[in-house]
Amino acid sequence: MFASIDTFLSGPTPVSLDLSVLAAALVIEAAAGYPNALYARIRHPVVWMGAVIARLDAALNHDHDSPGRRRAMGVVALLILLAVVWLAASALAGAARALPFGWLVEGLLASTLLAQRSLHDHVHDVAHALATGGLDAGREAVSRIVGRNPQTLDEHGVSRAAIESLAENFSDGVVAPAFWLFVGGLPGIALYKAINTADSMIGHRTPRHEAFGWAAARLDDLVNLPGSRLSTLLIAAGAALTPGASPEDALRSAWKDAARHRSPNAGWPEAAMAGALNLRLGGPRTYGGVRIADVWLGPGRTAATVHDIDRALLLYRRTCAALIGGAVVLGIVL
């Protein structure tokens, strides 16, 4: 039986509480993002987490230590980070839930750890740069969101890189944090972002971080697993709402190609996006002067264009709308 709007607004039941927090966070972040004025004043929670990770890296990761000790110290660093983040987020969540409309306050706090709006804006910037400033401007814009060498990319490569980043970051910047917000409230999404930030900072196969960042990289793979699979279903749902996109091909491409990707998670949303838009994404690319022979994902064209970035952004907006709509409806129903 549907709950009344008055009941929903006055305070959700325990069954619907986490869904209400999730819906509030998604709506707030989609509407407002993270204001630049707030960032200038206090920075961002991920920046705070990054500062803790940098201090732990400097204090516990020593070049003269053996690989085994560096791996053990990486585990210790990760546990310290998670303990600090869990304590802070739990205290904030407890304070929020003690307030009238506390679920809305918790949603506001959690919205800072989602990236729907910022992801859209960064990818839109690539399309705008290509359309108005040509290839050099497109390369400059795409260099802000991908790690590959932009000077090796032609217009098609820049367009594919932007669409691939949109798909992958939809999974780990929107769906995965939303999933862990639903599972664990504000502490859940905060722990996820701490793990994700640690992986981005120290989870690399470099001489300094291959051993020390091992735990962060492996745990990041694990916590992103549900989000990557859910993102595939959501992209298919968004494709069903988007003219010219194919939900069937999105699912077919993900099922066929996702497991061939070198990442256990990134291949799912990338292959789904490729199938939905009849593109081929991925393929060989250059990172730091090293050529990586990645596989191609999807059944369609490799010659992506600015128009395809715009199509991908439309699909992304419809997919985010499906996610928000599902959270709102379930929050009311339950």
Protein backbone atom coordinates (compact mmCIF):
# COMPACT_ATOMS: atom_id res chain seq x y z
CA MET A 1 0.00 0.00 0.00
CA PHE A 2 1.28 3.44 -0.92
CA ALA A 3 2.26 5.67 2.00
CA SER A 4 0.68 9.10 1.95
CA ILE A 5 2.71 12.10 0.88
CA ASP A 6 2.19 13.57 4.36
CA THR A 7 3.74 10.48 5.94
CA PHE A 8 6.66 10.62 3.54
CA LEU A 9 7.35 14.28 4.22
CA SER A 10 6.91 14.06 7.99
CA GLY A 11 9.38 11.24 8.34
CA PRO A 12 9.96 7.88 6.70
CA THR A 13 9.49 4.60 8.48
CA PRO A 14 12.55 2.54 9.41
CA VAL A 15 11.94 0.34 6.36
CA SER A 16 12.08 3.28 3.95
CA LEU A 17 14.63 5.41 5.81
CA ASP A 18 17.69 4.46 3.77
CA LEU A 19 15.75 4.78 0.50
CA SER A 20 14.58 8.24 1.57
CA VAL A 21 18.15 9.28 2.38
CA LEU A 22 19.27 7.91 -1.00
CA ALA A 23 16.50 9.69 -2.91
CA ALA A 24 17.21 12.96 -1.12
CA ALA A 25 20.96 12.71 -1.80
CA LEU A 26 20.47 11.96 -5.50
CA VAL A 27 17.96 14.77 -6.01
CA ILE A 28 20.04 17.35 -4.11
CA GLU A 29 23.28 16.48 -5.92
CA ALA A 30 21.63 16.42 -9.35
CA ALA A 31 20.09 19.83 -8.71
CA ALA A 32 22.98 21.63 -7.01
CA GLY A 33 26.15 19.57 -7.26
CA TYR A 34 28.87 20.69 -4.88
CA PRO A 35 28.91 24.51 -4.91
CA ASN A 36 32.17 26.14 -5.97
CA ALA A 37 31.89 28.64 -3.12
CA LEU A 38 31.70 25.81 -0.61
CA TYR A 39 34.71 24.11 -2.19
CA ALA A 40 36.70 27.33 -2.04
CA ARG A 41 35.83 27.74 1.63
CA ILE A 42 36.21 24.23 3.06
CA ARG A 43 37.35 22.08 0.11
CA HIS A 44 35.59 18.71 -0.29
CA PRO A 45 35.26 15.53 1.83
CA VAL A 46 37.30 13.59 -0.73
CA VAL A 47 40.08 16.17 -0.40
CA TRP A 48 40.01 15.63 3.37
CA MET A 49 40.24 11.87 2.86
CA GLY A 50 43.09 12.40 0.41
CA ALA A 51 45.00 14.41 3.02
CA VAL A 52 44.71 11.53 5.51
CA ILE A 53 45.87 9.04 2.86
CA ALA A 54 48.86 11.23 1.95
CA ARG A 55 49.92 11.45 5.59
CA LEU A 56 49.63 7.70 6.05
CA ASP A 57 51.59 7.12 2.85
CA ALA A 58 54.39 9.39 4.04
CA ALA A 59 54.45 7.88 7.55
CA LEU A 60 54.15 4.16 6.74
CA ASN A 61 55.44 3.60 3.21
CA HIS A 62 59.26 3.54 3.29
CA ASP A 63 61.40 2.79 0.24
CA HIS A 64 63.88 0.74 2.26
CA ASP A 65 61.23 -1.67 3.60
CA SER A 66 60.70 -5.11 2.06
CA PRO A 67 57.70 -5.67 -0.24
CA GLY A 68 56.07 -7.83 2.43
CA ARG A 69 56.37 -5.15 5.09
CA ARG A 70 55.15 -2.47 2.69
CA ARG A 71 52.09 -4.58 1.88
CA ALA A 72 51.41 -5.07 5.61
CA MET A 73 51.80 -1.35 6.24
CA GLY A 74 49.37 -0.70 3.39
CA VAL A 75 46.80 -2.85 5.18
CA VAL A 76 47.42 -0.93 8.40
CA ALA A 77 47.08 2.41 6.60
CA LEU A 78 43.81 1.32 5.02
CA LEU A 79 42.39 0.18 8.37
CA ILE A 80 43.35 3.48 10.02
CA LEU A 81 41.74 5.44 7.17
CA LEU A 82 38.52 3.44 7.37
CA ALA A 83 38.35 3.76 11.15
CA VAL A 84 38.78 7.55 11.00
CA VAL A 85 36.18 7.92 8.23
CA TRP A 86 33.69 5.57 9.91
CA LEU A 87 33.91 7.39 13.24
CA ALA A 88 33.43 10.81 11.64
CA ALA A 89 30.59 9.71 9.36
CA SER A 90 28.81 7.79 12.13
CA ALA A 91 28.93 10.83 14.40
CA LEU A 92 27.50 13.05 11.66
CA ALA A 93 24.80 10.53 10.79
CA GLY A 94 23.80 10.16 14.44
CA ALA A 95 23.57 13.92 14.86
CA ALA A 96 21.56 14.26 11.64
CA ARG A 97 19.04 11.57 12.53
CA ALA A 98 18.38 13.21 15.90
CA LEU A 99 17.05 16.30 14.09
CA PRO A 100 13.58 16.89 12.65
CA PHE A 101 13.71 15.75 9.03
CA GLY A 102 17.01 14.13 9.92
CA TRP A 103 16.82 11.82 6.89
CA LEU A 104 16.86 14.94 4.71
CA VAL A 105 19.90 16.33 6.54
CA GLU A 106 21.69 12.99 6.14
CA GLY A 107 20.79 13.04 2.45
CA LEU A 108 22.27 16.53 2.13
CA LEU A 109 25.52 15.36 3.73
CA ALA A 110 25.62 12.23 1.57
CA SER A 111 25.02 14.25 -1.60
CA THR A 112 28.56 15.63 -1.31
CA LEU A 113 29.88 12.13 -2.06
CA LEU A 114 27.94 11.63 -5.31
CA ALA A 115 29.08 12.91 -8.70
CA GLN A 116 26.13 12.96 -11.11
CA ARG A 117 26.31 16.66 -11.93
CA SER A 118 30.08 17.09 -11.94
CA LEU A 119 30.55 14.05 -14.18
CA HIS A 120 28.01 15.38 -16.65
CA ASP A 121 29.64 18.81 -16.66
CA HIS A 122 33.16 17.48 -17.23
CA VAL A 123 32.11 15.31 -20.16
CA HIS A 124 29.98 18.11 -21.61
CA ASP A 125 33.08 20.32 -21.45
CA VAL A 126 34.87 17.87 -23.77
CA ALA A 127 32.05 17.99 -26.31
CA HIS A 128 31.91 21.78 -26.13
CA ALA A 129 35.69 22.08 -26.51
CA LEU A 130 35.75 19.80 -29.55
CA ALA A 131 32.83 21.59 -31.17
CA THR A 132 34.11 25.13 -30.61
CA GLY A 133 37.89 24.85 -30.28
CA GLY A 134 38.81 21.84 -32.37
CA LEU A 135 41.06 18.90 -31.59
CA ASP A 136 43.61 20.70 -29.41
CA ALA A 137 40.87 22.09 -27.16
CA GLY A 138 39.23 18.67 -27.02
CA ARG A 139 42.49 17.04 -26.00
CA GLU A 140 42.98 19.61 -23.24
CA ALA A 141 39.45 19.07 -21.91
CA VAL A 142 39.61 15.27 -22.00
CA SER A 143 42.99 15.27 -20.21
CA ARG A 144 41.12 16.46 -17.09
CA ILE A 145 39.04 13.28 -16.88
CA VAL A 146 41.26 10.48 -18.26
CA GLY A 147 44.78 9.31 -17.55
CA ARG A 148 45.82 8.41 -21.09
CA ASN A 149 48.10 10.62 -23.17
CA PRO A 150 45.74 13.01 -25.01
CA GLN A 151 48.33 13.87 -27.66
CA THR A 152 47.94 10.36 -29.09
CA LEU A 153 44.19 10.85 -29.64
CA ASP A 154 42.45 12.03 -32.79
CA GLU A 155 38.90 13.41 -32.71
CA HIS A 156 37.44 9.89 -32.59
CA GLY A 157 39.81 8.92 -29.78
CA VAL A 158 38.92 12.02 -27.74
CA SER A 159 35.21 11.29 -28.22
CA ARG A 160 35.59 7.64 -27.22
CA ALA A 161 37.67 8.58 -24.17
CA ALA A 162 34.98 11.00 -22.99
CA ILE A 163 32.22 8.41 -23.43
CA GLU A 164 34.27 5.69 -21.72
CA SER A 165 34.94 8.01 -18.78
CA LEU A 166 31.24 8.83 -18.58
CA ALA A 167 30.32 5.13 -18.43
CA GLU A 168 33.01 4.04 -15.98
CA ASN A 169 32.52 6.99 -13.65
CA PHE A 170 28.76 6.55 -13.72
CA SER A 171 29.47 3.21 -12.07
CA ASP A 172 32.05 4.26 -9.46
CA GLY A 173 30.99 7.89 -9.02
CA VAL A 174 27.21 7.48 -8.93
CA VAL A 175 25.87 3.92 -8.77
CA ALA A 176 28.41 2.36 -6.40
CA PRO A 177 28.25 5.19 -3.83
CA ALA A 178 24.45 5.19 -4.13
CA PHE A 179 24.41 1.44 -3.47
CA TRP A 180 26.58 1.75 -0.37
CA LEU A 181 24.53 4.73 0.82
CA PHE A 182 21.44 2.54 0.65
CA VAL A 183 23.21 -0.34 2.41
CA GLY A 184 24.91 1.65 5.16
CA GLY A 185 23.64 5.23 5.20
CA LEU A 186 26.15 8.05 5.48
CA PRO A 187 28.87 5.79 6.99
CA GLY A 188 28.40 3.35 4.12
CA ILE A 189 28.92 5.90 1.34
CA ALA A 190 31.78 7.56 3.25
CA LEU A 191 33.63 4.25 3.63
CA TYR A 192 33.13 3.55 -0.07
CA LYS A 193 34.56 6.92 -1.06
CA ALA A 194 37.52 6.44 1.28
CA ILE A 195 38.34 3.11 -0.39
CA ASN A 196 37.85 4.57 -3.86
CA THR A 197 40.06 7.57 -3.05
CA ALA A 198 42.77 5.35 -1.58
CA ASP A 199 42.77 3.24 -4.75
CA SER A 200 43.09 6.35 -6.93
CA MET A 201 46.02 7.64 -4.87
CA ILE A 202 48.01 4.55 -3.93
CA GLY A 203 46.44 1.63 -5.81
CA HIS A 204 48.87 1.80 -8.72
CA ARG A 205 51.46 -0.69 -9.95
CA THR A 206 54.40 1.66 -9.47
CA PRO A 207 57.58 0.91 -7.54
CA ARG A 208 56.36 3.01 -4.62
CA HIS A 209 52.78 1.76 -4.43
CA GLU A 210 52.57 -1.72 -5.93
CA ALA A 211 52.95 -3.35 -2.52
CA PHE A 212 51.72 -0.56 -0.24
CA GLY A 213 48.57 0.03 -2.31
CA TRP A 214 47.74 -3.64 -2.82
CA ALA A 215 45.02 -3.76 -0.14
CA ALA A 216 43.37 -0.54 -1.38
CA ALA A 217 43.28 -1.78 -4.98
CA ARG A 218 41.87 -5.21 -4.10
CA LEU A 219 39.24 -3.79 -1.75
CA ASP A 220 38.23 -1.20 -4.35
CA ASP A 221 37.64 -4.00 -6.86
CA LEU A 222 35.41 -5.76 -4.33
CA VAL A 223 33.27 -2.80 -3.28
CA ASN A 224 32.76 -1.74 -6.91
CA LEU A 225 31.48 -5.14 -7.99
CA PRO A 226 27.77 -4.57 -7.18
CA GLY A 227 27.77 -1.04 -8.60
CA SER A 228 29.28 -2.10 -11.92
CA ARG A 229 26.62 -4.77 -12.46
CA LEU A 230 23.80 -2.46 -11.36
CA SER A 231 25.10 0.27 -13.66
CA THR A 232 24.70 -2.12 -16.60
CA LEU A 233 21.01 -2.61 -15.78
CA LEU A 234 20.51 1.11 -15.27
CA ILE A 235 22.16 1.99 -18.59
CA ALA A 236 19.82 -0.49 -20.27
CA ALA A 237 16.88 1.17 -18.48
CA GLY A 238 18.11 4.59 -19.60
CA ALA A 239 18.50 3.30 -23.16
CA ALA A 240 14.85 2.24 -23.11
CA LEU A 241 13.98 5.89 -22.38
CA THR A 242 16.37 7.36 -24.98
CA PRO A 243 15.45 7.63 -28.67
CA GLY A 244 17.97 5.83 -30.87
CA ALA A 245 19.52 3.82 -28.02
CA SER A 246 19.10 0.07 -27.64
CA PRO A 247 18.54 -1.54 -24.22
CA GLU A 248 18.81 -5.02 -25.76
CA ASP A 249 22.20 -4.26 -27.31
CA ALA A 250 23.37 -2.69 -24.05
CA LEU A 251 22.69 -5.91 -22.16
CA ARG A 252 23.98 -8.11 -24.98
CA SER A 253 27.23 -6.18 -25.28
CA ALA A 254 27.84 -6.22 -21.52
CA TRP A 255 27.21 -9.96 -21.32
CA LYS A 256 29.50 -10.66 -24.28
CA ASP A 257 32.38 -8.24 -23.71
CA ALA A 258 32.56 -7.08 -20.06
CA ALA A 259 34.59 -10.03 -18.80
CA ARG A 260 37.23 -9.41 -21.51
CA HIS A 261 38.19 -6.05 -19.97
CA ARG A 262 41.35 -5.98 -17.85
CA SER A 263 39.32 -4.46 -14.99
CA PRO A 264 36.83 -6.75 -13.21
CA ASN A 265 34.32 -3.87 -13.08
CA ALA A 266 34.93 -1.16 -15.68
CA GLY A 267 34.02 -3.38 -18.61
CA TRP A 268 30.39 -3.69 -17.52
CA PRO A 269 29.24 -0.05 -17.85
CA GLU A 270 31.59 0.63 -20.78
CA ALA A 271 30.32 -2.35 -22.77
CA ALA A 272 26.72 -1.49 -21.92
CA MET A 273 27.21 2.11 -23.08
CA ALA A 274 28.89 0.92 -26.27
CA GLY A 275 26.06 -1.47 -27.06
CA ALA A 276 23.35 1.06 -26.27
CA LEU A 277 24.87 3.63 -28.66
CA ASN A 278 26.12 1.18 -31.34
CA LEU A 279 29.76 2.13 -30.72
CA ARG A 280 33.03 0.31 -30.06
CA LEU A 281 34.83 1.62 -26.99
CA GLY A 282 38.10 0.76 -25.33
CA GLY A 283 40.83 -0.60 -27.55
CA PRO A 284 44.57 0.19 -27.42
CA ARG A 285 45.60 3.40 -25.68
CA THR A 286 48.76 5.04 -24.27
CA TYR A 287 49.40 5.76 -20.58
CA GLY A 288 52.60 7.56 -19.65
CA GLY A 289 54.27 6.57 -22.89
CA VAL A 290 53.33 2.90 -22.48
CA ARG A 291 51.02 1.34 -25.08
CA ILE A 292 48.25 -0.74 -23.47
CA ALA A 293 46.55 -3.30 -25.72
CA ASP A 294 43.03 -3.12 -24.26
CA VAL A 295 40.20 -5.01 -25.93
CA TRP A 296 37.41 -3.44 -27.92
CA LEU A 297 33.97 -3.42 -26.33
CA GLY A 298 30.69 -3.24 -28.21
CA PRO A 299 29.52 -4.09 -31.73
CA GLY A 300 29.46 -0.73 -33.50
CA ARG A 301 31.56 2.16 -34.85
CA THR A 302 34.99 3.16 -33.58
CA ALA A 303 34.62 6.54 -35.32
CA ALA A 304 32.87 8.30 -32.43
CA THR A 305 32.19 12.03 -32.81
CA VAL A 306 31.03 15.04 -30.80
CA HIS A 307 27.47 14.03 -31.70
CA ASP A 308 28.08 10.67 -30.00
CA ILE A 309 29.24 12.42 -26.82
CA ASP A 310 25.98 14.37 -26.86
CA ARG A 311 24.03 11.12 -27.37
CA ALA A 312 25.91 9.54 -24.47
CA LEU A 313 25.12 12.53 -22.23
CA LEU A 314 21.42 12.28 -23.12
CA LEU A 315 21.49 8.57 -22.27
CA TYR A 316 23.33 9.40 -19.03
CA ARG A 317 20.70 11.96 -18.01
CA ARG A 318 17.90 9.47 -18.68
CA THR A 319 19.78 6.79 -16.75
CA CYS A 320 20.28 9.07 -13.74
CA ALA A 321 16.57 9.96 -13.94
CA ALA A 322 15.73 6.25 -13.84
CA LEU A 323 17.94 5.81 -10.77
CA ILE A 324 16.42 8.80 -8.98
CA GLY A 325 12.88 7.85 -9.96
CA GLY A 326 13.35 4.31 -8.73
CA ALA A 327 14.71 5.49 -5.37
CA VAL A 328 11.87 8.01 -4.91
CA VAL A 329 9.12 5.54 -5.83
CA LEU A 330 10.51 2.76 -3.65
CA GLY A 331 10.97 5.21 -0.79
CA ILE A 332 7.29 6.16 -0.98
CA VAL A 333 6.00 2.62 -1.52
CA LEU A 334 8.04 1.03 1.27
